[in-house]
Amino acid sequence: MVRWPLGMGLAAWRWLRGSRGVARGRLRSSVVAEIERLPDRGGDRLQHPRQGAGPAFQRRYTVRITGAPLSAEQLIDRLCEDINAASPVEIAVFDKTSGGARCLDIGDEYDVHMPGPWNCPVRVVERRPRSFRFATLEGHIEAGEIEFRAADAPDGDVVFTIESWARSGGRLADLLYDRLRIAKEMQLHMWTHFCSRVADLAGGRVAGEVEVHTERAEVAGDSRFHAQHLTRFAAAAVTRVSTAAARLRGGRPLHPDGLVCDAVLLLHGASRPWGVPFLDDTAELRGVARLSRSVGLPPPLPDVLGLALRWRQPAGAPPDGGPAAAELLLASAGQGLLGRHLPRPAFRWSPGFYGSLLPYAAGDRRVFLGAVARRPCVVRADGLSLARALGEGPVPLDLVVATEFGAWERFGELLLTGPARGDDGAPMRFDPVRHPIPGLPPAGTLQQIRGPAYAAAHRAAGPRDRVAF
């Protein structure tokens, strides 16, 4: 009763300090096919992924260990003697409940004691010289298998890997893992910390970083898979409303009037890598920006302010014949954990904060993008003040990124330059779903609804409103 609260506090502190430093990426594997290849183990109480809930996940945690006196086989033997020697015991303790008292072997069963209203029972289903594998049992929060393996690299290093193939064990676990993502981040902390402790157990040190690769796939027949039909119905309803509003307002349901200016994105990369070129690379991207008032209320009344960006993709992008331009829509919003999801009416273009409101997928993380118009540039939220400010010089903004629960981090600068011009004769249209940022696809149900709504509004506006970059 005392250890779990203290342990979770320590684990949360470590996660906040280190989760952004974990290199994450995609496996790009066929998850469902990988799971279908799992052998039929036989025996009682085993939870195959087919019995689980929600989408299927394949996750791989890899660490390269340098300077270790132990070989891969010796490392696995050492780990089998005492798996708790590497486990972060503040959140996970392996307690053998069945089998011999000595080394881990096929048929042994463990209860993995974790915070929450459950333990996580597992059974050893494979034991080889350089690997061993657990399968989950009834009552575990996941349904699937997890393998621990090591390999000797040609340069003398040892490569240690943890790989899992699983679905959530039930609806509550699915809620915590895939929807709220709490259990997913706890799992990431647990196994990345496990990998670091394995390096200590081997007598070596981590070379580089622990790398995490994930692949996710919906499973046909799952209730969430069928719930996608509800998303399509919602998208159809929003599309009809958007079409009606576009016709009623003469072509644009929101942001009817705006000013267009040139834009330069000076990217220098975040302090730690995200695995996305837009957030990691150094580049100078040139494009255009449109600033507008959402509802169109007259100044000095406050309104939700919009900042729409379009820029040419750098040389070599996009791959596979994708769009030549990328787009990003931002609106005046709050910066807090709740505020970043909600538009906020504002009196000034600058200073102020503009956020994406909806998330993007950066590997297995969801991120929000933003721009901070900083002081001392003060510009009232009317067209005349904006045009005057752009005529006097560039209006600078910091480009920032954050996870759902993380702090904002600067990765570049946006310069808005004049002269400002209206677009009444040829209104600019933006669709970030059709013109995504490479490596940052829109994520979430609301993003799936937004795409059809934008397309419908554009069709209702008529061909004269469609402007190429």
Protein backbone atom coordinates (compact mmCIF):
# COMPACT_ATOMS: atom_id res chain seq x y z
CA MET A 1 0.00 0.00 0.00
CA VAL A 2 2.93 2.32 0.62
CA ARG A 3 5.17 1.16 -2.23
CA TRP A 4 2.73 1.67 -5.13
CA PRO A 5 1.95 5.40 -4.54
CA LEU A 6 5.63 6.16 -3.98
CA GLY A 7 6.61 4.00 -6.92
CA MET A 8 4.09 5.61 -9.25
CA GLY A 9 5.26 9.05 -8.17
CA LEU A 10 8.84 8.10 -9.02
CA ALA A 11 7.75 6.50 -12.31
CA ALA A 12 5.72 9.60 -13.27
CA TRP A 13 8.70 11.84 -12.51
CA ARG A 14 10.99 9.66 -14.64
CA TRP A 15 8.44 9.60 -17.45
CA LEU A 16 8.09 13.40 -17.49
CA ARG A 17 11.87 13.75 -17.58
CA GLY A 18 12.63 11.10 -20.16
CA SER A 19 9.64 10.26 -22.34
CA ARG A 20 10.43 13.00 -24.89
CA GLY A 21 13.95 11.67 -25.24
CA VAL A 22 12.79 8.25 -26.38
CA ALA A 23 13.28 7.75 -30.12
CA ARG A 24 9.96 6.52 -31.52
CA GLY A 25 9.02 5.33 -34.97
CA ARG A 26 6.83 2.99 -36.97
CA LEU A 27 7.52 -0.67 -37.69
CA ARG A 28 5.45 -0.62 -40.91
CA SER A 29 4.62 -4.28 -40.46
CA SER A 30 1.36 -6.12 -41.05
CA VAL A 31 0.32 -6.40 -37.41
CA VAL A 32 -2.72 -8.62 -37.94
CA ALA A 33 -0.70 -11.01 -40.12
CA GLU A 34 2.08 -11.09 -37.53
CA ILE A 35 -0.43 -12.00 -34.82
CA GLU A 36 -2.03 -14.67 -36.98
CA ARG A 37 1.41 -16.30 -37.29
CA LEU A 38 1.64 -16.79 -33.53
CA PRO A 39 1.56 -20.56 -32.93
CA ASP A 40 -1.24 -22.33 -31.10
CA ARG A 41 0.36 -22.87 -27.70
CA GLY A 42 -2.31 -25.16 -26.25
CA GLY A 43 -2.87 -25.28 -22.51
CA ASP A 44 -5.50 -23.59 -20.42
CA ARG A 45 -6.15 -19.91 -19.56
CA LEU A 46 -4.02 -18.51 -22.40
CA GLN A 47 -5.26 -15.21 -23.88
CA HIS A 48 -4.66 -15.11 -27.63
CA PRO A 49 -4.92 -11.68 -29.28
CA ARG A 50 -8.05 -12.90 -31.06
CA GLN A 51 -9.72 -12.84 -27.65
CA GLY A 52 -8.72 -9.25 -26.95
CA ALA A 53 -10.43 -5.91 -27.53
CA GLY A 54 -9.59 -2.91 -29.64
CA PRO A 55 -6.80 -2.54 -32.21
CA ALA A 56 -3.77 -4.79 -32.49
CA PHE A 57 -0.32 -3.50 -31.55
CA GLN A 58 3.18 -4.67 -32.32
CA ARG A 59 5.84 -2.85 -30.28
CA ARG A 60 9.59 -3.26 -30.35
CA TYR A 61 12.05 -1.80 -27.80
CA THR A 62 15.71 -2.02 -28.78
CA VAL A 63 18.89 -1.05 -26.98
CA ARG A 64 22.51 -1.48 -28.07
CA ILE A 65 24.86 -2.31 -25.18
CA THR A 66 28.55 -1.54 -25.53
CA GLY A 67 31.45 -2.58 -23.31
CA ALA A 68 29.58 -5.54 -21.77
CA PRO A 69 31.66 -8.55 -20.61
CA LEU A 70 28.62 -10.82 -21.10
CA SER A 71 27.64 -12.37 -24.42
CA ALA A 72 24.03 -12.39 -25.62
CA GLU A 73 23.53 -15.93 -24.33
CA GLN A 74 25.08 -15.13 -20.96
CA LEU A 75 22.89 -12.02 -20.67
CA ILE A 76 19.69 -14.02 -21.25
CA ASP A 77 20.87 -16.64 -18.71
CA ARG A 78 21.48 -13.88 -16.18
CA LEU A 79 18.07 -12.38 -16.83
CA CYS A 80 16.38 -15.78 -16.49
CA GLU A 81 18.00 -16.22 -13.08
CA ASP A 82 16.31 -13.07 -11.79
CA ILE A 83 14.12 -11.05 -14.11
CA ASN A 84 13.45 -8.55 -11.31
CA ALA A 85 17.10 -7.54 -11.52
CA ALA A 86 16.14 -5.52 -14.61
CA SER A 87 12.49 -4.75 -13.92
CA PRO A 88 11.57 -1.28 -12.58
CA VAL A 89 10.19 -2.71 -9.35
CA GLU A 90 8.44 0.54 -8.42
CA ILE A 91 5.77 -0.38 -10.99
CA ALA A 92 6.33 -4.04 -11.93
CA VAL A 93 7.44 -7.02 -9.83
CA PHE A 94 7.62 -10.55 -11.29
CA ASP A 95 6.42 -13.09 -8.71
CA LYS A 96 6.77 -16.76 -9.72
CA THR A 97 3.59 -18.65 -8.86
CA SER A 98 4.23 -21.96 -10.63
CA GLY A 99 7.36 -23.86 -11.62
CA GLY A 100 10.82 -24.56 -10.26
CA ALA A 101 12.44 -22.31 -7.74
CA ARG A 102 15.47 -21.63 -9.90
CA CYS A 103 15.80 -20.26 -13.44
CA LEU A 104 12.92 -19.28 -15.67
CA ASP A 105 11.81 -22.23 -17.83
CA ILE A 106 8.97 -23.29 -20.12
CA GLY A 107 5.71 -23.72 -18.23
CA ASP A 108 6.65 -21.41 -15.36
CA GLU A 109 3.99 -18.88 -14.43
CA TYR A 110 4.40 -15.42 -12.96
CA ASP A 111 2.15 -12.73 -11.57
CA VAL A 112 3.41 -9.33 -12.62
CA HIS A 113 2.28 -7.04 -9.81
CA MET A 114 1.42 -3.59 -11.15
CA PRO A 115 -0.52 -0.57 -9.88
CA GLY A 116 -4.25 -0.87 -10.44
CA PRO A 117 -7.06 -3.29 -9.69
CA TRP A 118 -5.32 -6.26 -11.29
CA ASN A 119 -2.20 -8.37 -11.49
CA CYS A 120 -0.88 -9.51 -14.85
CA PRO A 121 -0.42 -13.33 -14.99
CA VAL A 122 1.89 -14.73 -17.68
CA ARG A 123 3.30 -18.13 -18.65
CA VAL A 124 6.70 -18.93 -20.19
CA VAL A 125 5.95 -20.51 -23.58
CA GLU A 126 9.46 -20.42 -25.12
CA ARG A 127 12.98 -20.61 -23.71
CA ARG A 128 15.92 -20.59 -26.11
CA PRO A 129 19.63 -19.84 -25.60
CA ARG A 130 19.23 -16.19 -26.59
CA SER A 131 15.55 -15.54 -25.92
CA PHE A 132 12.47 -16.35 -23.90
CA ARG A 133 8.80 -15.55 -24.38
CA PHE A 134 5.74 -14.99 -22.20
CA ALA A 135 2.09 -15.48 -23.17
CA THR A 136 -0.62 -13.67 -21.24
CA LEU A 137 -3.14 -15.57 -19.10
CA GLU A 138 -6.74 -14.83 -18.13
CA GLY A 139 -6.91 -11.68 -16.04
CA HIS A 140 -4.01 -9.94 -17.80
CA ILE A 141 -4.69 -6.44 -19.14
CA GLU A 142 -3.35 -7.57 -22.54
CA ALA A 143 -3.98 -10.57 -24.75
CA GLY A 144 -0.89 -11.69 -26.62
CA GLU A 145 2.80 -12.54 -26.31
CA ILE A 146 6.02 -10.71 -25.48
CA GLU A 147 9.57 -11.83 -26.30
CA PHE A 148 12.90 -10.88 -24.70
CA ARG A 149 15.93 -11.60 -26.89
CA ALA A 150 19.58 -10.69 -27.29
CA ALA A 151 22.03 -10.90 -30.18
CA ASP A 152 25.80 -10.49 -30.50
CA ALA A 153 26.67 -7.67 -32.93
CA PRO A 154 29.73 -7.99 -35.23
CA ASP A 155 31.45 -5.06 -33.47
CA GLY A 156 31.28 -6.79 -30.08
CA ASP A 157 28.19 -4.98 -28.82
CA VAL A 158 25.08 -6.79 -27.60
CA VAL A 159 21.67 -5.83 -28.98
CA PHE A 160 18.79 -6.44 -26.59
CA THR A 161 15.17 -6.37 -27.80
CA ILE A 162 11.72 -6.63 -26.24
CA GLU A 163 8.95 -7.24 -28.75
CA SER A 164 5.23 -7.72 -28.15
CA TRP A 165 2.21 -8.70 -30.23
CA ALA A 166 -1.01 -7.96 -28.38
CA ARG A 167 -4.42 -6.39 -28.03
CA SER A 168 -6.01 -5.01 -24.90
CA GLY A 169 -7.46 -7.70 -22.65
CA GLY A 170 -10.83 -5.95 -22.27
CA ARG A 171 -12.74 -2.73 -22.81
CA LEU A 172 -11.39 -1.02 -19.68
CA ALA A 173 -7.81 -1.84 -20.68
CA ASP A 174 -8.53 -0.60 -24.21
CA LEU A 175 -9.83 2.68 -22.78
CA LEU A 176 -6.73 3.17 -20.63
CA TYR A 177 -4.28 2.02 -23.32
CA ASP A 178 -5.44 3.29 -26.69
CA ARG A 179 -7.94 6.02 -25.94
CA LEU A 180 -6.60 7.74 -22.84
CA ARG A 181 -3.07 6.43 -23.59
CA ILE A 182 -2.21 6.31 -19.88
CA ALA A 183 -1.39 2.59 -19.83
CA LYS A 184 0.49 2.94 -23.12
CA GLU A 185 2.85 5.55 -21.70
CA MET A 186 3.24 3.56 -18.49
CA GLN A 187 4.16 0.53 -20.58
CA LEU A 188 6.65 2.56 -22.61
CA HIS A 189 8.30 3.83 -19.42
CA MET A 190 8.42 0.33 -17.96
CA TRP A 191 10.10 -1.38 -20.92
CA THR A 192 12.48 1.45 -21.85
CA HIS A 193 13.61 1.56 -18.23
CA PHE A 194 13.89 -2.26 -18.32
CA CYS A 195 16.19 -1.99 -21.36
CA SER A 196 18.43 0.54 -19.59
CA ARG A 197 18.69 -1.71 -16.54
CA VAL A 198 19.55 -4.70 -18.75
CA ALA A 199 22.58 -2.71 -19.94
CA ASP A 200 23.65 -2.30 -16.29
CA LEU A 201 22.98 -6.00 -15.68
CA ALA A 202 25.26 -6.87 -18.60
CA GLY A 203 28.02 -4.71 -17.14
CA GLY A 204 27.99 -2.34 -20.13
CA ARG A 205 26.41 0.96 -21.07
CA VAL A 206 23.72 2.07 -23.46
CA ALA A 207 25.07 3.13 -26.85
CA GLY A 208 22.80 5.88 -28.16
CA GLU A 209 19.20 5.65 -27.00
CA VAL A 210 16.53 3.06 -26.40
CA GLU A 211 14.50 2.96 -29.63
CA VAL A 212 10.78 2.25 -29.69
CA HIS A 213 8.94 1.20 -32.84
CA THR A 214 5.20 0.62 -32.96
CA GLU A 215 2.61 -0.48 -35.47
CA ARG A 216 -1.14 -0.33 -34.92
CA ALA A 217 -3.97 -1.90 -36.90
CA GLU A 218 -7.72 -2.11 -36.53
CA VAL A 219 -9.12 -5.62 -36.31
CA ALA A 220 -12.13 -6.57 -38.45
CA GLY A 221 -15.01 -7.74 -36.32
CA ASP A 222 -14.06 -5.60 -33.33
CA SER A 223 -16.79 -3.24 -32.12
CA ARG A 224 -14.45 -0.29 -32.52
CA PHE A 225 -13.88 -1.31 -36.12
CA HIS A 226 -17.64 -1.12 -36.70
CA ALA A 227 -17.74 2.17 -34.80
CA GLN A 228 -15.99 3.70 -37.81
CA HIS A 229 -19.42 3.66 -39.48
CA LEU A 230 -20.57 6.12 -36.80
CA THR A 231 -17.66 8.37 -37.72
CA ARG A 232 -18.79 8.30 -41.35
CA PHE A 233 -22.35 9.18 -40.32
CA ALA A 234 -21.03 12.08 -38.22
CA ALA A 235 -18.85 13.23 -41.12
CA ALA A 236 -21.87 13.15 -43.44
CA ALA A 237 -23.91 15.24 -41.00
CA VAL A 238 -21.16 17.81 -40.56
CA THR A 239 -20.67 17.89 -44.33
CA ARG A 240 -24.32 18.79 -44.90
CA VAL A 241 -24.14 21.56 -42.30
CA SER A 242 -20.90 22.88 -43.79
CA THR A 243 -22.38 22.85 -47.31
CA ALA A 244 -25.50 24.72 -46.19
CA ALA A 245 -23.42 27.30 -44.30
CA ALA A 246 -21.13 27.82 -47.30
CA ARG A 247 -24.08 28.49 -49.59
CA LEU A 248 -25.75 30.76 -47.05
CA ARG A 249 -22.62 32.86 -46.59
CA GLY A 250 -21.74 32.97 -50.27
CA GLY A 251 -18.90 30.50 -50.37
CA ARG A 252 -17.13 30.36 -47.01
CA PRO A 253 -18.85 29.18 -43.80
CA LEU A 254 -16.08 30.54 -41.56
CA HIS A 255 -13.25 33.03 -41.99
CA PRO A 256 -15.07 34.91 -44.79
CA ASP A 257 -12.61 37.82 -45.09
CA GLY A 258 -8.88 37.73 -44.69
CA LEU A 259 -5.53 39.21 -45.59
CA VAL A 260 -2.84 37.24 -47.40
CA CYS A 261 0.89 37.77 -46.97
CA ASP A 262 4.15 36.00 -47.66
CA ALA A 263 5.47 33.57 -45.06
CA VAL A 264 8.91 32.14 -44.32
CA LEU A 265 9.30 29.13 -42.02
CA LEU A 266 12.80 28.98 -40.53
CA LEU A 267 13.11 25.51 -39.03
CA HIS A 268 15.97 24.64 -36.70
CA GLY A 269 14.63 21.49 -35.05
CA ALA A 270 13.49 20.79 -31.52
CA SER A 271 15.93 20.15 -28.68
CA ARG A 272 15.33 16.40 -28.96
CA PRO A 273 14.26 14.41 -32.03
CA TRP A 274 10.66 13.59 -32.81
CA GLY A 275 11.34 11.37 -35.81
CA VAL A 276 9.57 13.85 -38.12
CA PRO A 277 11.53 15.99 -40.64
CA PHE A 278 9.31 19.06 -40.10
CA LEU A 279 10.11 19.03 -36.37
CA ASP A 280 13.72 17.80 -36.55
CA ASP A 281 15.37 19.24 -39.65
CA THR A 282 16.95 22.58 -40.43
CA ALA A 283 15.25 24.18 -43.41
CA GLU A 284 13.91 27.41 -44.87
CA LEU A 285 10.44 26.98 -46.36
CA ARG A 286 8.67 29.72 -48.29
CA GLY A 287 4.94 30.03 -48.66
CA VAL A 288 1.92 32.15 -47.94
CA ALA A 289 -0.27 32.88 -44.93
CA ARG A 290 -3.88 33.99 -44.60
CA LEU A 291 -5.03 35.76 -41.43
CA SER A 292 -8.74 36.08 -40.80
CA ARG A 293 -11.50 36.50 -38.24
CA SER A 294 -13.48 33.27 -37.84
CA VAL A 295 -17.08 34.44 -37.45
CA GLY A 296 -16.43 37.77 -39.11
CA LEU A 297 -17.51 39.94 -36.16
CA PRO A 298 -16.54 43.58 -36.66
CA PRO A 299 -13.70 45.04 -34.56
CA PRO A 300 -13.35 45.90 -31.75
CA LEU A 301 -15.40 42.82 -30.80
CA PRO A 302 -13.23 39.77 -30.05
CA ASP A 303 -13.27 36.87 -32.52
CA VAL A 304 -11.46 33.58 -32.97
CA LEU A 305 -8.48 34.52 -35.16
CA GLY A 306 -7.24 32.18 -37.85
CA LEU A 307 -3.72 31.70 -39.20
CA ALA A 308 -3.61 29.45 -42.28
CA LEU A 309 -0.23 28.46 -43.73
CA ARG A 310 0.76 26.86 -47.03
CA TRP A 311 4.33 26.21 -48.13
CA ARG A 312 6.17 24.32 -50.82
CA GLN A 313 7.64 21.00 -49.83
CA PRO A 314 11.47 20.93 -49.81
CA ALA A 315 13.39 19.21 -52.60
CA GLY A 316 12.99 15.44 -52.48
CA ALA A 317 9.57 15.65 -50.82
CA PRO A 318 6.93 14.51 -50.84
CA PRO A 319 7.60 10.83 -51.49
CA ASP A 320 5.42 8.63 -53.69
CA GLY A 321 3.90 11.47 -55.68
CA GLY A 322 2.19 13.20 -52.77
CA PRO A 323 1.10 16.86 -52.76
CA ALA A 324 3.71 19.47 -53.63
CA ALA A 325 2.54 21.77 -50.84
CA ALA A 326 1.79 21.28 -47.17
CA GLU A 327 -0.78 23.18 -45.13
CA LEU A 328 -1.40 23.95 -41.48
CA LEU A 329 -4.43 25.64 -39.93
CA LEU A 330 -4.05 27.41 -36.57
CA ALA A 331 -6.54 29.39 -34.51
CA SER A 332 -6.26 31.58 -31.45
CA ALA A 333 -6.36 29.21 -28.48
CA GLY A 334 -5.07 28.57 -24.99
CA GLN A 335 -1.75 26.95 -24.18
CA GLY A 336 -2.80 24.79 -21.20
CA LEU A 337 -3.73 21.11 -21.24
CA LEU A 338 -7.41 21.95 -21.80
CA GLY A 339 -6.98 25.27 -23.57
CA ARG A 340 -4.94 23.78 -26.42
CA HIS A 341 -8.09 21.91 -27.49
CA LEU A 342 -10.37 24.98 -27.50
CA PRO A 343 -10.54 28.12 -29.65
CA ARG A 344 -10.24 31.40 -27.77
CA PRO A 345 -11.58 34.76 -29.00
CA ALA A 346 -8.89 37.44 -29.07
CA PHE A 347 -8.59 41.22 -29.45
CA ARG A 348 -5.11 41.24 -31.02
CA TRP A 349 -3.20 39.43 -33.72
CA SER A 350 -0.05 39.90 -31.67
CA PRO A 351 0.96 39.03 -29.03
CA GLY A 352 -1.03 35.83 -28.87
CA PHE A 353 -1.04 32.07 -29.23
CA TYR A 354 -2.33 30.08 -32.21
CA GLY A 355 -2.83 26.31 -31.93
CA SER A 356 -3.86 23.45 -34.19
CA LEU A 357 -6.69 22.48 -31.74
CA LEU A 358 -6.68 18.96 -33.23
CA PRO A 359 -3.78 16.49 -32.93
CA TYR A 360 -1.35 15.03 -35.43
CA ALA A 361 0.39 11.66 -35.28
CA ALA A 362 4.17 11.73 -34.80
CA GLY A 363 4.97 8.03 -34.73
CA ASP A 364 2.95 6.61 -31.84
CA ARG A 365 2.54 10.02 -30.18
CA ARG A 366 -0.14 12.62 -30.70
CA VAL A 367 1.16 16.14 -30.92
CA PHE A 368 -0.25 19.65 -31.21
CA LEU A 369 1.36 22.40 -33.27
CA GLY A 370 1.30 26.08 -32.47
CA ALA A 371 2.68 29.54 -33.17
CA VAL A 372 3.42 32.20 -30.57
CA ALA A 373 3.21 35.83 -31.68
CA ARG A 374 5.57 37.42 -29.22
CA ARG A 375 6.02 40.90 -27.81
CA PRO A 376 6.91 43.71 -28.37
CA CYS A 377 4.92 43.51 -31.63
CA VAL A 378 1.36 44.61 -30.71
CA VAL A 379 -1.23 44.41 -33.51
CA ARG A 380 -4.95 44.89 -32.97
CA ALA A 381 -7.27 42.30 -34.54
CA ASP A 382 -8.42 44.36 -37.52
CA GLY A 383 -7.32 44.38 -41.13
CA LEU A 384 -5.98 47.93 -41.17
CA SER A 385 -3.71 47.38 -38.15
CA LEU A 386 -2.44 44.11 -39.60
CA ALA A 387 -1.71 45.63 -43.02
CA ARG A 388 0.13 48.53 -41.37
CA ALA A 389 2.25 46.18 -39.22
CA LEU A 390 3.18 44.02 -42.21
CA GLY A 391 4.11 47.11 -44.16
CA GLU A 392 6.51 48.21 -41.42
CA GLY A 393 8.40 44.91 -41.24
CA PRO A 394 8.12 41.17 -40.58
CA VAL A 395 5.77 39.98 -37.86
CA PRO A 396 7.65 37.15 -36.05
CA LEU A 397 6.15 34.08 -34.40
CA ASP A 398 7.77 31.09 -32.69
CA LEU A 399 6.76 27.67 -34.03
CA VAL A 400 6.13 25.23 -31.17
CA VAL A 401 5.08 21.62 -30.63
CA ALA A 402 3.78 19.68 -27.64
CA THR A 403 2.37 16.29 -26.78
CA GLU A 404 -1.14 15.99 -25.36
CA PHE A 405 0.15 16.46 -21.82
CA GLY A 406 3.60 17.97 -22.38
CA ALA A 407 5.09 21.45 -22.38
CA TRP A 408 5.43 23.48 -25.57
CA GLU A 409 8.81 23.26 -27.25
CA ARG A 410 10.19 25.63 -29.89
CA PHE A 411 11.33 24.12 -33.20
CA GLY A 412 11.42 27.10 -35.55
CA GLU A 413 10.33 30.61 -36.42
CA LEU A 414 7.61 31.95 -38.69
CA LEU A 415 8.04 35.35 -40.36
CA LEU A 416 5.00 37.04 -41.89
CA THR A 417 6.03 39.69 -44.42
CA GLY A 418 4.10 42.27 -46.41
CA PRO A 419 2.67 43.69 -48.37
CA ALA A 420 -0.73 42.44 -47.20
CA ARG A 421 -3.35 41.88 -49.87
CA GLY A 422 -6.96 40.85 -49.85
CA ASP A 423 -8.19 37.69 -51.54
CA ASP A 424 -11.78 38.68 -52.34
CA GLY A 425 -11.23 38.24 -56.07
CA ALA A 426 -9.64 34.81 -55.74
CA PRO A 427 -10.21 33.48 -52.21
CA MET A 428 -7.58 31.06 -50.96
CA ARG A 429 -8.80 27.67 -49.79
CA PHE A 430 -6.92 25.40 -47.39
CA ASP A 431 -7.36 21.68 -46.76
CA PRO A 432 -4.68 20.22 -44.42
CA VAL A 433 -6.23 16.76 -44.74
CA ARG A 434 -5.50 16.68 -48.50
CA HIS A 435 -2.18 18.51 -48.08
CA PRO A 436 -0.65 17.07 -44.90
CA ILE A 437 2.76 17.75 -43.46
CA PRO A 438 5.03 14.76 -44.30
CA GLY A 439 5.35 12.55 -41.24
CA LEU A 440 2.51 14.34 -39.41
CA PRO A 441 -0.79 12.86 -40.59
CA PRO A 442 -3.96 14.21 -38.94
CA ALA A 443 -5.01 11.98 -36.02
CA GLY A 444 -8.26 11.32 -34.22
CA THR A 445 -11.95 11.10 -35.00
CA LEU A 446 -12.48 14.85 -35.39
CA GLN A 447 -9.74 15.00 -38.00
CA GLN A 448 -11.54 12.26 -39.95
CA ILE A 449 -14.71 14.36 -39.85
CA ARG A 450 -12.95 17.59 -40.80
CA GLY A 451 -11.68 16.34 -44.18
CA PRO A 452 -15.09 15.68 -45.80
CA ALA A 453 -16.49 18.89 -44.31
CA TYR A 454 -13.72 20.98 -45.89
CA ALA A 455 -14.13 19.28 -49.25
CA ALA A 456 -17.90 19.88 -49.20
CA ALA A 457 -17.47 23.56 -48.35
CA HIS A 458 -15.03 23.95 -51.25
CA ARG A 459 -17.44 22.30 -53.68
CA ALA A 460 -20.28 24.52 -52.50
CA ALA A 461 -18.10 27.60 -52.99
CA GLY A 462 -17.72 26.91 -56.70
CA PRO A 463 -14.64 26.61 -58.93
CA ARG A 464 -13.72 30.31 -58.76
CA ASP A 465 -12.74 29.88 -55.11
CA ARG A 466 -10.20 27.16 -55.74
CA VAL A 467 -6.75 28.64 -55.93
CA ALA A 468 -3.56 26.66 -56.56
CA PHE A 469 -0.41 27.41 -54.58
